[in-house]
Amino acid sequence: MKTIAGIFILYALTAWIAAAADAQAGKATYDKACKSCHGADGTPNPAIAKAMKVDMKALGSAEVQAHSDAELKTLITDGKGKMKPVKSVSGAALDNVVAYVRTLK
């Protein structure tokens, strides 16, 4: 019985690693869909923040990084406040962008 459980755990771990998001691919998507407002390194574009009259947080900040991956995905796909939903980012690309955002901390 322990052998079967061990095999199951090994299989689940392997599947999880294979499904892991790709931060490098996420950077490419981020550069196309997010960089103009959120900056190349996750530091907000001050001109955009001023024009929209919003306080944009750096994506590497503790406040942003405290969000779960699911919360970040919702913020991207649904928008928040004056940030419009980013409809061009979905599926694996969405996972990849979140993985890239995690590298900005």
N, C-alpha and C. Protein backbone atom coordinates (compact mmCIF):
# COMPACT_ATOMS: atom_id res chain seq x y z
N MET A 1 0.82 -1.19 0.00
CA MET A 1 0.00 0.00 0.00
C MET A 1 0.87 1.26 0.00
N LYS A 2 1.96 1.25 0.77
CA LYS A 2 2.83 2.42 0.82
C LYS A 2 3.46 2.67 -0.54
N THR A 3 3.76 1.63 -1.28
CA THR A 3 4.37 1.78 -2.60
C THR A 3 3.40 2.48 -3.54
N ILE A 4 2.15 2.13 -3.50
CA ILE A 4 1.15 2.77 -4.36
C ILE A 4 1.02 4.25 -4.01
N ALA A 5 1.00 4.55 -2.72
CA ALA A 5 0.91 5.95 -2.29
C ALA A 5 2.14 6.72 -2.75
N GLY A 6 3.31 6.12 -2.64
CA GLY A 6 4.55 6.76 -3.08
C GLY A 6 4.54 7.03 -4.57
N ILE A 7 4.06 6.07 -5.33
CA ILE A 7 3.99 6.24 -6.78
C ILE A 7 3.01 7.37 -7.12
N PHE A 8 1.88 7.41 -6.43
CA PHE A 8 0.90 8.47 -6.67
C PHE A 8 1.50 9.84 -6.36
N ILE A 9 2.20 9.96 -5.25
CA ILE A 9 2.81 11.23 -4.88
C ILE A 9 3.86 11.63 -5.92
N LEU A 10 4.67 10.68 -6.36
CA LEU A 10 5.68 10.96 -7.38
C LEU A 10 5.02 11.40 -8.68
N TYR A 11 3.96 10.75 -9.07
CA TYR A 11 3.22 11.11 -10.29
C TYR A 11 2.65 12.52 -10.16
N ALA A 12 2.03 12.83 -9.03
CA ALA A 12 1.44 14.15 -8.82
C ALA A 12 2.51 15.23 -8.85
N LEU A 13 3.65 14.98 -8.23
CA LEU A 13 4.75 15.94 -8.22
C LEU A 13 5.27 16.17 -9.63
N THR A 14 5.43 15.11 -10.38
CA THR A 14 5.91 15.22 -11.75
C THR A 14 4.93 16.03 -12.60
N ALA A 15 3.64 15.77 -12.44
CA ALA A 15 2.62 16.51 -13.19
C ALA A 15 2.64 17.98 -12.81
N TRP A 16 2.83 18.27 -11.52
CA TRP A 16 2.87 19.65 -11.06
C TRP A 16 4.07 20.38 -11.65
N ILE A 17 5.22 19.75 -11.64
CA ILE A 17 6.43 20.37 -12.20
C ILE A 17 6.25 20.60 -13.70
N ALA A 18 5.67 19.65 -14.40
CA ALA A 18 5.47 19.79 -15.84
C ALA A 18 4.50 20.92 -16.14
N ALA A 19 3.54 21.15 -15.24
CA ALA A 19 2.54 22.19 -15.46
C ALA A 19 2.98 23.55 -14.92
N ALA A 20 4.14 23.61 -14.31
CA ALA A 20 4.60 24.86 -13.70
C ALA A 20 4.67 25.97 -14.75
N ALA A 21 4.33 27.15 -14.31
CA ALA A 21 4.32 28.29 -15.22
C ALA A 21 5.75 28.69 -15.62
N ASP A 22 5.86 29.32 -16.73
CA ASP A 22 7.14 29.72 -17.31
C ASP A 22 7.30 31.24 -17.19
N ALA A 23 8.12 31.68 -16.25
CA ALA A 23 8.31 33.11 -16.00
C ALA A 23 8.93 33.82 -17.21
N GLN A 24 9.80 33.15 -17.95
CA GLN A 24 10.41 33.77 -19.13
C GLN A 24 9.36 34.05 -20.20
N ALA A 25 8.48 33.08 -20.42
CA ALA A 25 7.38 33.30 -21.36
C ALA A 25 6.44 34.38 -20.82
N GLY A 26 6.28 34.40 -19.50
CA GLY A 26 5.45 35.42 -18.88
C GLY A 26 6.00 36.82 -19.10
N LYS A 27 7.32 36.95 -19.09
CA LYS A 27 7.95 38.25 -19.33
C LYS A 27 7.61 38.74 -20.74
N ALA A 28 7.65 37.86 -21.70
CA ALA A 28 7.34 38.24 -23.08
C ALA A 28 5.90 38.73 -23.19
N THR A 29 4.98 38.03 -22.54
CA THR A 29 3.58 38.44 -22.56
C THR A 29 3.41 39.75 -21.80
N TYR A 30 4.06 39.86 -20.64
CA TYR A 30 4.01 41.07 -19.83
C TYR A 30 4.50 42.27 -20.64
N ASP A 31 5.60 42.09 -21.37
CA ASP A 31 6.15 43.17 -22.17
C ASP A 31 5.15 43.67 -23.21
N LYS A 32 4.34 42.79 -23.74
CA LYS A 32 3.34 43.17 -24.75
C LYS A 32 2.08 43.77 -24.13
N ALA A 33 1.63 43.22 -23.02
CA ALA A 33 0.31 43.57 -22.49
C ALA A 33 0.31 44.46 -21.25
N CYS A 34 1.43 44.54 -20.54
CA CYS A 34 1.42 45.20 -19.23
C CYS A 34 2.46 46.31 -19.06
N LYS A 35 3.56 46.18 -19.76
CA LYS A 35 4.71 47.05 -19.55
C LYS A 35 4.42 48.53 -19.74
N SER A 36 3.55 48.90 -20.66
CA SER A 36 3.32 50.32 -20.92
C SER A 36 2.78 51.04 -19.69
N CYS A 37 2.01 50.36 -18.86
CA CYS A 37 1.48 50.98 -17.63
C CYS A 37 2.30 50.61 -16.40
N HIS A 38 2.71 49.36 -16.31
CA HIS A 38 3.36 48.86 -15.10
C HIS A 38 4.89 48.90 -15.16
N GLY A 39 5.44 49.38 -16.26
CA GLY A 39 6.88 49.53 -16.37
C GLY A 39 7.61 48.23 -16.64
N ALA A 40 8.79 48.34 -17.20
CA ALA A 40 9.59 47.17 -17.58
C ALA A 40 9.95 46.31 -16.38
N ASP A 41 10.15 46.94 -15.23
CA ASP A 41 10.55 46.18 -14.04
C ASP A 41 9.45 46.13 -12.97
N GLY A 42 8.23 46.45 -13.37
CA GLY A 42 7.11 46.41 -12.42
C GLY A 42 6.92 47.71 -11.66
N THR A 43 7.74 48.72 -11.96
CA THR A 43 7.59 50.03 -11.34
C THR A 43 6.62 50.83 -12.20
N PRO A 44 5.54 51.33 -11.62
CA PRO A 44 4.50 52.00 -12.42
C PRO A 44 5.02 53.16 -13.25
N ASN A 45 4.43 53.34 -14.40
CA ASN A 45 4.72 54.46 -15.28
C ASN A 45 4.09 55.70 -14.63
N PRO A 46 4.89 56.65 -14.15
CA PRO A 46 4.34 57.81 -13.44
C PRO A 46 3.39 58.65 -14.30
N ALA A 47 3.63 58.74 -15.60
CA ALA A 47 2.76 59.52 -16.47
C ALA A 47 1.36 58.89 -16.54
N ILE A 48 1.32 57.57 -16.59
CA ILE A 48 0.02 56.87 -16.63
C ILE A 48 -0.71 57.06 -15.31
N ALA A 49 0.01 56.89 -14.21
CA ALA A 49 -0.60 57.05 -12.88
C ALA A 49 -1.16 58.46 -12.71
N LYS A 50 -0.40 59.44 -13.16
CA LYS A 50 -0.85 60.84 -13.03
C LYS A 50 -2.06 61.11 -13.92
N ALA A 51 -1.99 60.65 -15.15
CA ALA A 51 -3.09 60.87 -16.09
C ALA A 51 -4.39 60.21 -15.60
N MET A 52 -4.26 59.04 -15.01
CA MET A 52 -5.44 58.32 -14.53
C MET A 52 -5.83 58.72 -13.10
N LYS A 53 -4.96 59.52 -12.48
CA LYS A 53 -5.18 59.96 -11.10
C LYS A 53 -5.37 58.77 -10.16
N VAL A 54 -4.39 57.86 -10.24
CA VAL A 54 -4.42 56.66 -9.39
C VAL A 54 -3.06 56.47 -8.73
N ASP A 55 -3.07 55.75 -7.64
CA ASP A 55 -1.84 55.37 -6.95
C ASP A 55 -1.55 53.93 -7.34
N MET A 56 -0.64 53.76 -8.28
CA MET A 56 -0.28 52.42 -8.74
C MET A 56 0.83 51.87 -7.86
N LYS A 57 0.68 50.65 -7.42
CA LYS A 57 1.70 49.99 -6.60
C LYS A 57 2.72 49.31 -7.50
N ALA A 58 3.97 49.31 -7.05
CA ALA A 58 4.99 48.54 -7.75
C ALA A 58 4.63 47.06 -7.64
N LEU A 59 4.79 46.33 -8.72
CA LEU A 59 4.41 44.91 -8.71
C LEU A 59 5.30 44.08 -7.80
N GLY A 60 6.47 44.58 -7.48
CA GLY A 60 7.36 43.88 -6.56
C GLY A 60 7.11 44.23 -5.10
N SER A 61 6.18 45.14 -4.84
CA SER A 61 5.91 45.58 -3.47
C SER A 61 5.30 44.46 -2.64
N ALA A 62 5.48 44.56 -1.33
CA ALA A 62 4.92 43.56 -0.42
C ALA A 62 3.41 43.48 -0.57
N GLU A 63 2.77 44.62 -0.81
CA GLU A 63 1.31 44.65 -0.94
C GLU A 63 0.83 43.83 -2.14
N VAL A 64 1.48 44.01 -3.27
CA VAL A 64 1.09 43.25 -4.47
C VAL A 64 1.49 41.79 -4.32
N GLN A 65 2.70 41.53 -3.84
CA GLN A 65 3.19 40.17 -3.71
C GLN A 65 2.38 39.36 -2.68
N ALA A 66 1.67 40.04 -1.78
CA ALA A 66 0.86 39.34 -0.77
C ALA A 66 -0.39 38.70 -1.38
N HIS A 67 -0.77 39.14 -2.57
CA HIS A 67 -1.93 38.54 -3.23
C HIS A 67 -1.61 37.10 -3.64
N SER A 68 -2.61 36.26 -3.57
CA SER A 68 -2.43 34.88 -4.04
C SER A 68 -2.35 34.91 -5.56
N ASP A 69 -1.89 33.81 -6.15
CA ASP A 69 -1.85 33.72 -7.61
C ASP A 69 -3.25 33.89 -8.19
N ALA A 70 -4.24 33.28 -7.54
CA ALA A 70 -5.62 33.38 -8.02
C ALA A 70 -6.09 34.84 -7.99
N GLU A 71 -5.73 35.56 -6.95
CA GLU A 71 -6.12 36.97 -6.86
C GLU A 71 -5.45 37.79 -7.96
N LEU A 72 -4.18 37.54 -8.21
CA LEU A 72 -3.49 38.25 -9.28
C LEU A 72 -4.14 37.97 -10.64
N LYS A 73 -4.49 36.72 -10.86
CA LYS A 73 -5.15 36.36 -12.13
C LYS A 73 -6.47 37.09 -12.27
N THR A 74 -7.22 37.20 -11.18
CA THR A 74 -8.50 37.91 -11.22
C THR A 74 -8.28 39.39 -11.50
N LEU A 75 -7.27 39.98 -10.87
CA LEU A 75 -6.97 41.39 -11.13
C LEU A 75 -6.63 41.62 -12.60
N ILE A 76 -5.89 40.70 -13.18
CA ILE A 76 -5.50 40.83 -14.59
C ILE A 76 -6.71 40.65 -15.50
N THR A 77 -7.48 39.61 -15.26
CA THR A 77 -8.58 39.29 -16.18
C THR A 77 -9.83 40.14 -15.98
N ASP A 78 -10.05 40.63 -14.75
CA ASP A 78 -11.25 41.42 -14.46
C ASP A 78 -10.96 42.92 -14.34
N GLY A 79 -9.68 43.26 -14.14
CA GLY A 79 -9.33 44.65 -13.90
C GLY A 79 -9.65 45.05 -12.47
N LYS A 80 -9.33 46.29 -12.13
CA LYS A 80 -9.64 46.81 -10.79
C LYS A 80 -9.60 48.33 -10.87
N GLY A 81 -10.61 48.97 -10.35
CA GLY A 81 -10.66 50.43 -10.41
C GLY A 81 -10.60 50.89 -11.85
N LYS A 82 -9.63 51.72 -12.17
CA LYS A 82 -9.50 52.24 -13.54
C LYS A 82 -8.72 51.31 -14.46
N MET A 83 -8.16 50.24 -13.89
CA MET A 83 -7.45 49.26 -14.73
C MET A 83 -8.49 48.39 -15.43
N LYS A 84 -8.43 48.40 -16.74
CA LYS A 84 -9.36 47.60 -17.52
C LYS A 84 -8.89 46.15 -17.57
N PRO A 85 -9.82 45.22 -17.77
CA PRO A 85 -9.42 43.82 -17.92
C PRO A 85 -8.47 43.64 -19.10
N VAL A 86 -7.52 42.75 -18.93
CA VAL A 86 -6.57 42.45 -20.01
C VAL A 86 -7.05 41.16 -20.67
N LYS A 87 -7.90 41.32 -21.67
CA LYS A 87 -8.53 40.17 -22.33
C LYS A 87 -7.55 39.37 -23.18
N SER A 88 -6.44 39.97 -23.55
CA SER A 88 -5.47 39.28 -24.40
C SER A 88 -4.61 38.29 -23.63
N VAL A 89 -4.73 38.27 -22.31
CA VAL A 89 -3.92 37.36 -21.49
C VAL A 89 -4.85 36.36 -20.81
N SER A 90 -4.72 35.10 -21.19
CA SER A 90 -5.56 34.05 -20.60
C SER A 90 -4.83 32.71 -20.66
N GLY A 91 -5.41 31.72 -20.04
CA GLY A 91 -4.86 30.37 -20.06
C GLY A 91 -3.45 30.29 -19.53
N ALA A 92 -2.59 29.57 -20.25
CA ALA A 92 -1.20 29.38 -19.82
C ALA A 92 -0.46 30.71 -19.78
N ALA A 93 -0.79 31.63 -20.69
CA ALA A 93 -0.13 32.94 -20.69
C ALA A 93 -0.41 33.69 -19.40
N LEU A 94 -1.60 33.54 -18.86
CA LEU A 94 -1.95 34.17 -17.59
C LEU A 94 -1.11 33.59 -16.46
N ASP A 95 -0.99 32.27 -16.42
CA ASP A 95 -0.13 31.62 -15.42
C ASP A 95 1.31 32.11 -15.55
N ASN A 96 1.77 32.25 -16.77
CA ASN A 96 3.15 32.68 -17.02
C ASN A 96 3.38 34.12 -16.57
N VAL A 97 2.40 35.00 -16.80
CA VAL A 97 2.54 36.39 -16.36
C VAL A 97 2.61 36.45 -14.84
N VAL A 98 1.77 35.69 -14.17
CA VAL A 98 1.81 35.67 -12.70
C VAL A 98 3.16 35.15 -12.22
N ALA A 99 3.68 34.13 -12.88
CA ALA A 99 5.01 33.61 -12.51
C ALA A 99 6.07 34.70 -12.70
N TYR A 100 5.96 35.48 -13.77
CA TYR A 100 6.91 36.57 -13.99
C TYR A 100 6.77 37.65 -12.92
N VAL A 101 5.55 38.02 -12.58
CA VAL A 101 5.31 39.03 -11.54
C VAL A 101 5.95 38.58 -10.23
N ARG A 102 5.90 37.29 -9.94
CA ARG A 102 6.52 36.77 -8.72
C ARG A 102 8.05 36.99 -8.72
N THR A 103 8.65 37.08 -9.90
CA THR A 103 10.11 37.28 -9.95
C THR A 103 10.49 38.73 -9.64
N LEU A 104 9.53 39.63 -9.61
CA LEU A 104 9.80 41.05 -9.42
C LEU A 104 9.96 41.44 -7.96
N LYS A 105 9.70 40.52 -7.05
CA LYS A 105 9.80 40.87 -5.62
C LYS A 105 11.21 41.07 -5.16
